[in-house]
Amino acid sequence: MSLANTPQPPYYAVIFSSIRENDDVAYQVMAKKMDELAKIQPGFLGFETARDLLGVSVSYWDSLASIQKWKSNVDHQEAQNKGKSDWYKSYKVRIAKVEREYSFEK
């Protein structure tokens, strides 16, 4: 496990907070597919995720235009629709501009 290696700010973060209703095998397959697909999108900078009762995933992007293209990706839209119909009880997406970052590593 490691933190995303992001460039010097500014850049953008898409914060996806969710509560799952259903955690079937199809969800795991789709999550892996979206992870692999996001990594090859123009403007993608990195990804971090954590899950307990509340899931939080943060993807990092170089621009708002890159985020919009990812949101519009046909395969990503399929995943979004399945999330709404099958996997999530609720979710929220927030988009933020990262102005500063601080880090520590042992």
N, C-alpha and C. Protein backbone atom coordinates (compact mmCIF):
# COMPACT_ATOMS: atom_id res chain seq x y z
N MET A 1 0.85 -1.17 0.00
CA MET A 1 0.00 0.00 0.00
C MET A 1 0.91 1.24 0.00
N SER A 2 0.55 2.21 -0.83
CA SER A 2 1.31 3.45 -0.85
C SER A 2 0.39 4.61 -1.23
N LEU A 3 0.85 5.79 -0.92
CA LEU A 3 0.11 6.99 -1.28
C LEU A 3 0.40 7.35 -2.73
N ALA A 4 -0.55 8.01 -3.37
CA ALA A 4 -0.36 8.44 -4.76
C ALA A 4 0.82 9.40 -4.84
N ASN A 5 1.61 9.23 -5.86
CA ASN A 5 2.75 10.11 -6.10
C ASN A 5 2.29 11.24 -7.02
N THR A 6 1.78 12.29 -6.44
CA THR A 6 1.23 13.41 -7.20
C THR A 6 2.30 14.47 -7.47
N PRO A 7 2.09 15.27 -8.52
CA PRO A 7 3.05 16.34 -8.83
C PRO A 7 2.87 17.51 -7.87
N GLN A 8 3.69 18.51 -8.03
CA GLN A 8 3.51 19.73 -7.27
C GLN A 8 2.16 20.35 -7.63
N PRO A 9 1.43 20.87 -6.65
CA PRO A 9 0.15 21.52 -6.93
C PRO A 9 0.38 22.76 -7.80
N PRO A 10 -0.66 23.21 -8.45
CA PRO A 10 -2.06 22.80 -8.31
C PRO A 10 -2.41 21.60 -9.20
N TYR A 11 -3.36 20.84 -8.72
CA TYR A 11 -4.00 19.76 -9.46
C TYR A 11 -5.36 19.55 -8.79
N TYR A 12 -6.13 18.59 -9.27
CA TYR A 12 -7.49 18.40 -8.77
C TYR A 12 -7.66 17.03 -8.13
N ALA A 13 -8.55 16.97 -7.14
CA ALA A 13 -8.89 15.73 -6.47
C ALA A 13 -10.40 15.49 -6.61
N VAL A 14 -10.74 14.28 -7.00
CA VAL A 14 -12.14 13.85 -7.01
C VAL A 14 -12.30 12.91 -5.82
N ILE A 15 -13.12 13.31 -4.87
CA ILE A 15 -13.31 12.56 -3.63
C ILE A 15 -14.66 11.87 -3.71
N PHE A 16 -14.62 10.55 -3.70
CA PHE A 16 -15.82 9.74 -3.82
C PHE A 16 -16.04 9.03 -2.48
N SER A 17 -17.05 9.46 -1.74
CA SER A 17 -17.41 8.87 -0.46
C SER A 17 -18.66 8.03 -0.66
N SER A 18 -18.65 6.80 -0.11
CA SER A 18 -19.78 5.92 -0.39
C SER A 18 -20.09 4.99 0.77
N ILE A 19 -21.34 4.56 0.79
CA ILE A 19 -21.80 3.50 1.68
C ILE A 19 -22.38 2.43 0.77
N ARG A 20 -21.82 1.25 0.83
CA ARG A 20 -22.26 0.18 -0.05
C ARG A 20 -23.48 -0.52 0.50
N GLU A 21 -24.33 -0.92 -0.43
CA GLU A 21 -25.51 -1.70 -0.10
C GLU A 21 -25.25 -3.16 -0.38
N ASN A 22 -24.41 -3.41 -1.37
CA ASN A 22 -24.17 -4.77 -1.84
C ASN A 22 -22.71 -4.88 -2.25
N ASP A 23 -22.03 -5.92 -1.81
CA ASP A 23 -20.62 -6.12 -2.11
C ASP A 23 -20.44 -7.48 -2.76
N ASP A 24 -20.95 -7.63 -3.96
CA ASP A 24 -20.84 -8.91 -4.63
C ASP A 24 -19.57 -8.99 -5.47
N VAL A 25 -19.34 -10.13 -6.06
CA VAL A 25 -18.15 -10.35 -6.88
C VAL A 25 -18.13 -9.41 -8.07
N ALA A 26 -19.28 -9.12 -8.65
CA ALA A 26 -19.35 -8.22 -9.80
C ALA A 26 -18.83 -6.84 -9.44
N TYR A 27 -19.07 -6.39 -8.21
CA TYR A 27 -18.55 -5.10 -7.77
C TYR A 27 -17.02 -5.11 -7.78
N GLN A 28 -16.43 -6.16 -7.23
CA GLN A 28 -14.97 -6.26 -7.18
C GLN A 28 -14.36 -6.29 -8.58
N VAL A 29 -14.99 -6.99 -9.49
CA VAL A 29 -14.52 -7.06 -10.87
C VAL A 29 -14.59 -5.68 -11.52
N MET A 30 -15.72 -4.99 -11.32
CA MET A 30 -15.88 -3.67 -11.91
C MET A 30 -14.90 -2.67 -11.30
N ALA A 31 -14.69 -2.73 -9.99
CA ALA A 31 -13.76 -1.81 -9.33
C ALA A 31 -12.35 -1.98 -9.89
N LYS A 32 -11.93 -3.21 -10.10
CA LYS A 32 -10.60 -3.47 -10.67
C LYS A 32 -10.52 -2.93 -12.10
N LYS A 33 -11.57 -3.15 -12.86
CA LYS A 33 -11.61 -2.66 -14.25
C LYS A 33 -11.52 -1.13 -14.28
N MET A 34 -12.27 -0.46 -13.39
CA MET A 34 -12.24 1.01 -13.36
C MET A 34 -10.87 1.53 -12.93
N ASP A 35 -10.24 0.85 -11.99
CA ASP A 35 -8.90 1.23 -11.54
C ASP A 35 -7.92 1.17 -12.72
N GLU A 36 -7.94 0.07 -13.45
CA GLU A 36 -7.05 -0.09 -14.60
C GLU A 36 -7.36 0.91 -15.71
N LEU A 37 -8.63 1.16 -15.95
CA LEU A 37 -9.03 2.09 -17.01
C LEU A 37 -8.68 3.53 -16.65
N ALA A 38 -8.90 3.92 -15.40
CA ALA A 38 -8.58 5.29 -14.97
C ALA A 38 -7.10 5.58 -15.16
N LYS A 39 -6.26 4.61 -14.86
CA LYS A 39 -4.81 4.81 -14.93
C LYS A 39 -4.31 5.17 -16.33
N ILE A 40 -5.06 4.80 -17.36
CA ILE A 40 -4.61 5.10 -18.73
C ILE A 40 -5.32 6.32 -19.33
N GLN A 41 -6.15 7.00 -18.54
CA GLN A 41 -6.85 8.19 -19.02
C GLN A 41 -5.90 9.38 -19.05
N PRO A 42 -5.98 10.20 -20.09
CA PRO A 42 -5.16 11.42 -20.11
C PRO A 42 -5.48 12.29 -18.90
N GLY A 43 -4.44 12.77 -18.24
CA GLY A 43 -4.63 13.65 -17.09
C GLY A 43 -4.70 12.96 -15.75
N PHE A 44 -4.76 11.63 -15.72
CA PHE A 44 -4.81 10.89 -14.46
C PHE A 44 -3.46 10.99 -13.77
N LEU A 45 -3.48 11.29 -12.46
CA LEU A 45 -2.25 11.46 -11.69
C LEU A 45 -2.05 10.41 -10.60
N GLY A 46 -3.13 9.83 -10.09
CA GLY A 46 -3.00 8.85 -9.03
C GLY A 46 -4.32 8.55 -8.37
N PHE A 47 -4.28 7.59 -7.41
CA PHE A 47 -5.51 7.10 -6.79
C PHE A 47 -5.18 6.56 -5.40
N GLU A 48 -6.08 6.82 -4.45
CA GLU A 48 -5.99 6.28 -3.09
C GLU A 48 -7.39 5.88 -2.65
N THR A 49 -7.47 4.80 -1.87
CA THR A 49 -8.78 4.37 -1.42
C THR A 49 -8.69 3.69 -0.05
N ALA A 50 -9.75 3.81 0.71
CA ALA A 50 -9.86 3.15 2.01
C ALA A 50 -11.33 2.77 2.21
N ARG A 51 -11.54 1.61 2.83
CA ARG A 51 -12.91 1.17 3.04
C ARG A 51 -13.05 0.48 4.38
N ASP A 52 -14.08 0.90 5.07
CA ASP A 52 -14.55 0.20 6.26
C ASP A 52 -16.06 0.24 6.09
N LEU A 53 -16.80 0.82 6.99
CA LEU A 53 -18.24 1.02 6.77
C LEU A 53 -18.46 2.12 5.76
N LEU A 54 -17.57 3.10 5.78
CA LEU A 54 -17.60 4.22 4.83
C LEU A 54 -16.41 4.06 3.90
N GLY A 55 -16.66 4.11 2.61
CA GLY A 55 -15.57 4.04 1.64
C GLY A 55 -15.22 5.44 1.17
N VAL A 56 -13.93 5.69 1.05
CA VAL A 56 -13.46 6.96 0.51
C VAL A 56 -12.38 6.66 -0.52
N SER A 57 -12.61 7.12 -1.73
CA SER A 57 -11.65 6.98 -2.81
C SER A 57 -11.34 8.36 -3.35
N VAL A 58 -10.07 8.62 -3.57
CA VAL A 58 -9.66 9.92 -4.10
C VAL A 58 -8.83 9.67 -5.35
N SER A 59 -9.26 10.25 -6.45
CA SER A 59 -8.45 10.21 -7.67
C SER A 59 -7.94 11.62 -7.94
N TYR A 60 -6.74 11.68 -8.50
CA TYR A 60 -6.08 12.96 -8.74
C TYR A 60 -5.93 13.18 -10.23
N TRP A 61 -6.20 14.42 -10.65
CA TRP A 61 -6.24 14.75 -12.07
C TRP A 61 -5.55 16.09 -12.33
N ASP A 62 -5.07 16.25 -13.56
CA ASP A 62 -4.35 17.48 -13.90
C ASP A 62 -5.26 18.65 -14.24
N SER A 63 -6.54 18.37 -14.54
CA SER A 63 -7.43 19.47 -14.94
C SER A 63 -8.90 19.06 -14.77
N LEU A 64 -9.75 20.07 -14.76
CA LEU A 64 -11.20 19.80 -14.73
C LEU A 64 -11.65 19.12 -16.02
N ALA A 65 -11.01 19.46 -17.14
CA ALA A 65 -11.36 18.84 -18.42
C ALA A 65 -11.08 17.33 -18.38
N SER A 66 -9.97 16.93 -17.77
CA SER A 66 -9.64 15.50 -17.65
C SER A 66 -10.67 14.78 -16.79
N ILE A 67 -11.10 15.43 -15.73
CA ILE A 67 -12.13 14.84 -14.85
C ILE A 67 -13.43 14.65 -15.63
N GLN A 68 -13.82 15.64 -16.41
CA GLN A 68 -15.06 15.55 -17.19
C GLN A 68 -14.98 14.43 -18.23
N LYS A 69 -13.82 14.29 -18.87
CA LYS A 69 -13.66 13.21 -19.86
C LYS A 69 -13.78 11.84 -19.18
N TRP A 70 -13.21 11.71 -17.98
CA TRP A 70 -13.31 10.45 -17.26
C TRP A 70 -14.76 10.18 -16.87
N LYS A 71 -15.46 11.19 -16.39
CA LYS A 71 -16.87 11.03 -16.02
C LYS A 71 -17.71 10.59 -17.23
N SER A 72 -17.33 11.07 -18.41
CA SER A 72 -18.08 10.77 -19.64
C SER A 72 -17.66 9.47 -20.31
N ASN A 73 -16.61 8.83 -19.84
CA ASN A 73 -16.15 7.58 -20.43
C ASN A 73 -17.28 6.55 -20.39
N VAL A 74 -17.52 5.88 -21.50
CA VAL A 74 -18.65 4.94 -21.62
C VAL A 74 -18.58 3.82 -20.58
N ASP A 75 -17.41 3.23 -20.40
CA ASP A 75 -17.28 2.15 -19.42
C ASP A 75 -17.47 2.68 -18.00
N HIS A 76 -16.98 3.88 -17.74
CA HIS A 76 -17.16 4.48 -16.42
C HIS A 76 -18.64 4.79 -16.18
N GLN A 77 -19.35 5.24 -17.21
CA GLN A 77 -20.78 5.49 -17.06
C GLN A 77 -21.53 4.20 -16.75
N GLU A 78 -21.12 3.10 -17.36
CA GLU A 78 -21.73 1.80 -17.05
C GLU A 78 -21.53 1.47 -15.57
N ALA A 79 -20.32 1.68 -15.07
CA ALA A 79 -20.04 1.43 -13.65
C ALA A 79 -20.86 2.34 -12.75
N GLN A 80 -21.00 3.61 -13.15
CA GLN A 80 -21.80 4.54 -12.36
C GLN A 80 -23.25 4.07 -12.28
N ASN A 81 -23.79 3.63 -13.39
CA ASN A 81 -25.19 3.17 -13.42
C ASN A 81 -25.38 1.91 -12.57
N LYS A 82 -24.43 0.97 -12.64
CA LYS A 82 -24.52 -0.24 -11.81
C LYS A 82 -24.39 0.13 -10.33
N GLY A 83 -23.55 1.11 -10.04
CA GLY A 83 -23.41 1.56 -8.66
C GLY A 83 -24.73 2.07 -8.10
N LYS A 84 -25.42 2.87 -8.89
CA LYS A 84 -26.70 3.42 -8.46
C LYS A 84 -27.76 2.32 -8.31
N SER A 85 -27.79 1.38 -9.24
CA SER A 85 -28.85 0.37 -9.22
C SER A 85 -28.56 -0.80 -8.27
N ASP A 86 -27.27 -1.14 -8.09
CA ASP A 86 -26.96 -2.39 -7.39
C ASP A 86 -26.07 -2.27 -6.16
N TRP A 87 -25.10 -1.37 -6.15
CA TRP A 87 -24.03 -1.47 -5.16
C TRP A 87 -24.04 -0.43 -4.05
N TYR A 88 -24.54 0.76 -4.31
CA TYR A 88 -24.42 1.82 -3.31
C TYR A 88 -25.75 2.16 -2.66
N LYS A 89 -25.70 2.31 -1.35
CA LYS A 89 -26.84 2.84 -0.60
C LYS A 89 -26.85 4.35 -0.77
N SER A 90 -25.67 4.95 -0.72
CA SER A 90 -25.53 6.39 -0.97
C SER A 90 -24.09 6.69 -1.32
N TYR A 91 -23.90 7.80 -2.02
CA TYR A 91 -22.55 8.28 -2.31
C TYR A 91 -22.57 9.78 -2.55
N LYS A 92 -21.40 10.35 -2.47
CA LYS A 92 -21.24 11.76 -2.74
C LYS A 92 -19.91 11.94 -3.45
N VAL A 93 -19.90 12.80 -4.46
CA VAL A 93 -18.68 13.13 -5.19
C VAL A 93 -18.37 14.59 -4.96
N ARG A 94 -17.13 14.85 -4.59
CA ARG A 94 -16.67 16.23 -4.39
C ARG A 94 -15.42 16.42 -5.25
N ILE A 95 -15.33 17.58 -5.86
CA ILE A 95 -14.16 17.92 -6.68
C ILE A 95 -13.50 19.14 -6.05
N ALA A 96 -12.20 19.01 -5.81
CA ALA A 96 -11.48 20.09 -5.13
C ALA A 96 -10.17 20.37 -5.87
N LYS A 97 -9.77 21.62 -5.84
CA LYS A 97 -8.47 22.01 -6.37
C LYS A 97 -7.46 21.93 -5.23
N VAL A 98 -6.40 21.19 -5.43
CA VAL A 98 -5.34 21.06 -4.43
C VAL A 98 -4.36 22.22 -4.64
N GLU A 99 -4.25 23.04 -3.63
CA GLU A 99 -3.37 24.21 -3.70
C GLU A 99 -2.02 23.94 -3.05
N ARG A 100 -2.03 23.12 -2.01
CA ARG A 100 -0.81 22.77 -1.28
C ARG A 100 -0.86 21.32 -0.88
N GLU A 101 0.33 20.77 -0.68
CA GLU A 101 0.41 19.44 -0.10
C GLU A 101 1.63 19.37 0.80
N TYR A 102 1.50 18.58 1.83
CA TYR A 102 2.58 18.34 2.77
C TYR A 102 2.74 16.84 2.88
N SER A 103 3.94 16.38 3.09
CA SER A 103 4.11 14.93 3.18
C SER A 103 5.14 14.57 4.25
N PHE A 104 5.06 13.32 4.67
CA PHE A 104 5.99 12.74 5.63
C PHE A 104 6.15 11.27 5.26
N GLU A 105 7.35 10.78 5.33
CA GLU A 105 7.58 9.36 5.06
C GLU A 105 8.79 8.91 5.86
N LYS A 106 8.66 7.78 6.52
CA LYS A 106 9.79 7.19 7.27
C LYS A 106 10.63 6.35 6.36
